[in-house]
Amino acid sequence: MRGDALLVDHVLLNLGGKTAAEAIEDGREPREVWRELCVEFDVPPQRR
């Protein structure tokens, strides 16, 4: 459930102020979007 909310609700400023879903829909690689989510939420590098 939380993953779904992050995908459609959280705005990623480094990806043009779009949600993860919007960024992927616009052609961004899912891996790039995942990395930005990890940065935004301070996920330790070993868990990314």
PDB file of N, CA and C in Angstrom:
ATOM      1  N   MET A   1       0.821  -1.186   0.000  1.00  0.00           N
ATOM      2  CA  MET A   1       0.000   0.000   0.000  1.00  0.00           C
ATOM      3  C   MET A   1       0.865   1.249   0.000  1.00  0.00           C
ATOM      4  N   ARG A   2       1.878   1.305   0.861  1.00  0.00           N
ATOM      5  CA  ARG A   2       2.721   2.491   0.933  1.00  0.00           C
ATOM      6  C   ARG A   2       3.453   2.724  -0.389  1.00  0.00           C
ATOM      7  N   GLY A   3       3.918   1.660  -1.024  1.00  0.00           N
ATOM      8  CA  GLY A   3       4.609   1.784  -2.310  1.00  0.00           C
ATOM      9  C   GLY A   3       3.715   2.426  -3.352  1.00  0.00           C
ATOM     10  N   ASP A   4       2.458   2.040  -3.375  1.00  0.00           N
ATOM     11  CA  ASP A   4       1.513   2.637  -4.321  1.00  0.00           C
ATOM     12  C   ASP A   4       1.358   4.128  -4.071  1.00  0.00           C
ATOM     13  N   ALA A   5       1.302   4.510  -2.802  1.00  0.00           N
ATOM     14  CA  ALA A   5       1.150   5.923  -2.458  1.00  0.00           C
ATOM     15  C   ALA A   5       2.387   6.709  -2.883  1.00  0.00           C
ATOM     16  N   LEU A   6       3.577   6.151  -2.654  1.00  0.00           N
ATOM     17  CA  LEU A   6       4.795   6.847  -3.065  1.00  0.00           C
ATOM     18  C   LEU A   6       4.837   7.034  -4.574  1.00  0.00           C
ATOM     19  N   LEU A   7       4.370   6.068  -5.285  1.00  0.00           N
ATOM     20  CA  LEU A   7       4.389   6.108  -6.741  1.00  0.00           C
ATOM     21  C   LEU A   7       3.524   7.232  -7.302  1.00  0.00           C
ATOM     22  N   VAL A   8       2.384   7.467  -6.686  1.00  0.00           N
ATOM     23  CA  VAL A   8       1.439   8.438  -7.266  1.00  0.00           C
ATOM     24  C   VAL A   8       1.274   9.731  -6.473  1.00  0.00           C
ATOM     25  N   ASP A   9       1.780   9.780  -5.242  1.00  0.00           N
ATOM     26  CA  ASP A   9       1.562  10.964  -4.407  1.00  0.00           C
ATOM     27  C   ASP A   9       2.801  11.819  -4.167  1.00  0.00           C
ATOM     28  N   HIS A  10       3.955  11.202  -4.047  1.00  0.00           N
ATOM     29  CA  HIS A  10       5.164  11.944  -3.695  1.00  0.00           C
ATOM     30  C   HIS A  10       5.768  12.606  -4.938  1.00  0.00           C
ATOM     31  N   VAL A  11       6.003  13.902  -4.855  1.00  0.00           N
ATOM     32  CA  VAL A  11       6.581  14.661  -5.972  1.00  0.00           C
ATOM     33  C   VAL A  11       8.099  14.678  -5.829  1.00  0.00           C
ATOM     34  N   LEU A  12       8.760  14.321  -6.910  1.00  0.00           N
ATOM     35  CA  LEU A  12      10.227  14.286  -6.943  1.00  0.00           C
ATOM     36  C   LEU A  12      10.736  15.541  -7.649  1.00  0.00           C
ATOM     37  N   LEU A  13      11.292  16.448  -6.883  1.00  0.00           N
ATOM     38  CA  LEU A  13      11.751  17.718  -7.447  1.00  0.00           C
ATOM     39  C   LEU A  13      12.873  17.525  -8.459  1.00  0.00           C
ATOM     40  N   ASN A  14      13.750  16.557  -8.216  1.00  0.00           N
ATOM     41  CA  ASN A  14      14.858  16.321  -9.146  1.00  0.00           C
ATOM     42  C   ASN A  14      14.418  15.701 -10.462  1.00  0.00           C
ATOM     43  N   LEU A  15      13.169  15.303 -10.537  1.00  0.00           N
ATOM     44  CA  LEU A  15      12.641  14.758 -11.797  1.00  0.00           C
ATOM     45  C   LEU A  15      11.591  15.700 -12.380  1.00  0.00           C
ATOM     46  N   GLY A  16      11.799  16.966 -12.181  1.00  0.00           N
ATOM     47  CA  GLY A  16      10.923  17.958 -12.793  1.00  0.00           C
ATOM     48  C   GLY A  16       9.631  18.208 -12.055  1.00  0.00           C
ATOM     49  N   GLY A  17       9.581  17.880 -10.770  1.00  0.00           N
ATOM     50  CA  GLY A  17       8.369  18.113 -10.000  1.00  0.00           C
ATOM     51  C   GLY A  17       7.244  17.167 -10.346  1.00  0.00           C
ATOM     52  N   LYS A  18       7.606  15.962 -10.760  1.00  0.00           N
ATOM     53  CA  LYS A  18       6.608  14.951 -11.125  1.00  0.00           C
ATOM     54  C   LYS A  18       6.604  13.834 -10.096  1.00  0.00           C
ATOM     55  N   THR A  19       5.512  13.117 -10.065  1.00  0.00           N
ATOM     56  CA  THR A  19       5.474  11.919  -9.233  1.00  0.00           C
ATOM     57  C   THR A  19       6.285  10.835  -9.940  1.00  0.00           C
ATOM     58  N   ALA A  20       6.586   9.773  -9.218  1.00  0.00           N
ATOM     59  CA  ALA A  20       7.321   8.663  -9.816  1.00  0.00           C
ATOM     60  C   ALA A  20       6.539   8.077 -10.998  1.00  0.00           C
ATOM     61  N   ALA A  21       5.252   7.931 -10.834  1.00  0.00           N
ATOM     62  CA  ALA A  21       4.423   7.381 -11.908  1.00  0.00           C
ATOM     63  C   ALA A  21       4.459   8.285 -13.140  1.00  0.00           C
ATOM     64  N   GLU A  22       4.377   9.585 -12.931  1.00  0.00           N
ATOM     65  CA  GLU A  22       4.419  10.524 -14.059  1.00  0.00           C
ATOM     66  C   GLU A  22       5.772  10.487 -14.759  1.00  0.00           C
ATOM     67  N   ALA A  23       6.838  10.410 -13.971  1.00  0.00           N
ATOM     68  CA  ALA A  23       8.177  10.371 -14.552  1.00  0.00           C
ATOM     69  C   ALA A  23       8.368   9.122 -15.407  1.00  0.00           C
ATOM     70  N   ILE A  24       7.915   7.980 -14.913  1.00  0.00           N
ATOM     71  CA  ILE A  24       8.019   6.738 -15.682  1.00  0.00           C
ATOM     72  C   ILE A  24       7.161   6.826 -16.941  1.00  0.00           C
ATOM     73  N   GLU A  25       5.978   7.353 -16.799  1.00  0.00           N
ATOM     74  CA  GLU A  25       5.075   7.513 -17.948  1.00  0.00           C
ATOM     75  C   GLU A  25       5.694   8.421 -19.011  1.00  0.00           C
ATOM     76  N   ASP A  26       6.473   9.404 -18.575  1.00  0.00           N
ATOM     77  CA  ASP A  26       7.127  10.331 -19.499  1.00  0.00           C
ATOM     78  C   ASP A  26       8.402   9.761 -20.116  1.00  0.00           C
ATOM     79  N   GLY A  27       8.754   8.539 -19.738  1.00  0.00           N
ATOM     80  CA  GLY A  27       9.893   7.887 -20.372  1.00  0.00           C
ATOM     81  C   GLY A  27      11.148   7.749 -19.523  1.00  0.00           C
ATOM     82  N   ARG A  28      11.099   8.188 -18.277  1.00  0.00           N
ATOM     83  CA  ARG A  28      12.252   7.993 -17.393  1.00  0.00           C
ATOM     84  C   ARG A  28      12.376   6.511 -17.079  1.00  0.00           C
ATOM     85  N   GLU A  29      13.604   6.057 -16.927  1.00  0.00           N
ATOM     86  CA  GLU A  29      13.857   4.669 -16.573  1.00  0.00           C
ATOM     87  C   GLU A  29      13.412   4.424 -15.127  1.00  0.00           C
ATOM     88  N   PRO A  30      12.727   3.325 -14.878  1.00  0.00           N
ATOM     89  CA  PRO A  30      12.310   3.017 -13.507  1.00  0.00           C
ATOM     90  C   PRO A  30      13.471   3.001 -12.518  1.00  0.00           C
ATOM     91  N   ARG A  31      14.646   2.546 -12.951  1.00  0.00           N
ATOM     92  CA  ARG A  31      15.809   2.512 -12.069  1.00  0.00           C
ATOM     93  C   ARG A  31      16.201   3.927 -11.640  1.00  0.00           C
ATOM     94  N   GLU A  32      16.138   4.889 -12.567  1.00  0.00           N
ATOM     95  CA  GLU A  32      16.440   6.286 -12.252  1.00  0.00           C
ATOM     96  C   GLU A  32      15.437   6.836 -11.239  1.00  0.00           C
ATOM     97  N   VAL A  33      14.173   6.520 -11.439  1.00  0.00           N
ATOM     98  CA  VAL A  33      13.124   6.979 -10.529  1.00  0.00           C
ATOM     99  C   VAL A  33      13.333   6.356  -9.150  1.00  0.00           C
ATOM    100  N   TRP A  34      13.670   5.075  -9.118  1.00  0.00           N
ATOM    101  CA  TRP A  34      13.938   4.394  -7.852  1.00  0.00           C
ATOM    102  C   TRP A  34      15.075   5.072  -7.103  1.00  0.00           C
ATOM    103  N   ARG A  35      16.142   5.410  -7.809  1.00  0.00           N
ATOM    104  CA  ARG A  35      17.281   6.079  -7.171  1.00  0.00           C
ATOM    105  C   ARG A  35      16.871   7.414  -6.566  1.00  0.00           C
ATOM    106  N   GLU A  36      16.061   8.166  -7.278  1.00  0.00           N
ATOM    107  CA  GLU A  36      15.606   9.456  -6.758  1.00  0.00           C
ATOM    108  C   GLU A  36      14.724   9.280  -5.524  1.00  0.00           C
ATOM    109  N   LEU A  37      13.873   8.260  -5.529  1.00  0.00           N
ATOM    110  CA  LEU A  37      13.064   7.983  -4.344  1.00  0.00           C
ATOM    111  C   LEU A  37      13.968   7.642  -3.153  1.00  0.00           C
ATOM    112  N   CYS A  38      15.002   6.853  -3.397  1.00  0.00           N
ATOM    113  CA  CYS A  38      15.931   6.485  -2.328  1.00  0.00           C
ATOM    114  C   CYS A  38      16.627   7.717  -1.771  1.00  0.00           C
ATOM    115  N   VAL A  39      17.028   8.625  -2.635  1.00  0.00           N
ATOM    116  CA  VAL A  39      17.678   9.855  -2.183  1.00  0.00           C
ATOM    117  C   VAL A  39      16.709  10.677  -1.337  1.00  0.00           C
ATOM    118  N   GLU A  40      15.501  10.842  -1.829  1.00  0.00           N
ATOM    119  CA  GLU A  40      14.495  11.651  -1.119  1.00  0.00           C
ATOM    120  C   GLU A  40      14.195  11.101   0.277  1.00  0.00           C
ATOM    121  N   PHE A  41      14.218   9.786   0.417  1.00  0.00           N
ATOM    122  CA  PHE A  41      13.855   9.163   1.686  1.00  0.00           C
ATOM    123  C   PHE A  41      15.062   8.655   2.471  1.00  0.00           C
ATOM    124  N   ASP A  42      16.244   9.132   2.100  1.00  0.00           N
ATOM    125  CA  ASP A  42      17.480   8.792   2.817  1.00  0.00           C
ATOM    126  C   ASP A  42      17.681   7.304   3.020  1.00  0.00           C
ATOM    127  N   VAL A  43      17.427   6.531   1.993  1.00  0.00           N
ATOM    128  CA  VAL A  43      17.660   5.083   2.056  1.00  0.00           C
ATOM    129  C   VAL A  43      19.175   4.862   2.001  1.00  0.00           C
ATOM    130  N   PRO A  44      19.730   4.123   2.942  1.00  0.00           N
ATOM    131  CA  PRO A  44      21.186   3.868   2.933  1.00  0.00           C
ATOM    132  C   PRO A  44      21.610   3.190   1.629  1.00  0.00           C
ATOM    133  N   PRO A  45      22.777   3.546   1.118  1.00  0.00           N
ATOM    134  CA  PRO A  45      23.237   2.971  -0.152  1.00  0.00           C
ATOM    135  C   PRO A  45      23.212   1.442  -0.210  1.00  0.00           C
ATOM    136  N   GLN A  46      23.516   0.779   0.898  1.00  0.00           N
ATOM    137  CA  GLN A  46      23.514  -0.689   0.888  1.00  0.00           C
ATOM    138  C   GLN A  46      22.127  -1.293   0.746  1.00  0.00           C
ATOM    139  N   ARG A  47      21.068  -0.477   0.906  1.00  0.00           N
ATOM    140  CA  ARG A  47      19.703  -0.988   0.778  1.00  0.00           C
ATOM    141  C   ARG A  47      19.046  -0.579  -0.525  1.00  0.00           C
ATOM    142  N   ARG A  48      19.763   0.139  -1.361  1.00  0.00           N
ATOM    143  CA  ARG A  48      19.170   0.647  -2.608  1.00  0.00           C
ATOM    144  C   ARG A  48      19.131  -0.378  -3.672  1.00  0.00           C
TER     145      ARG A  48
END
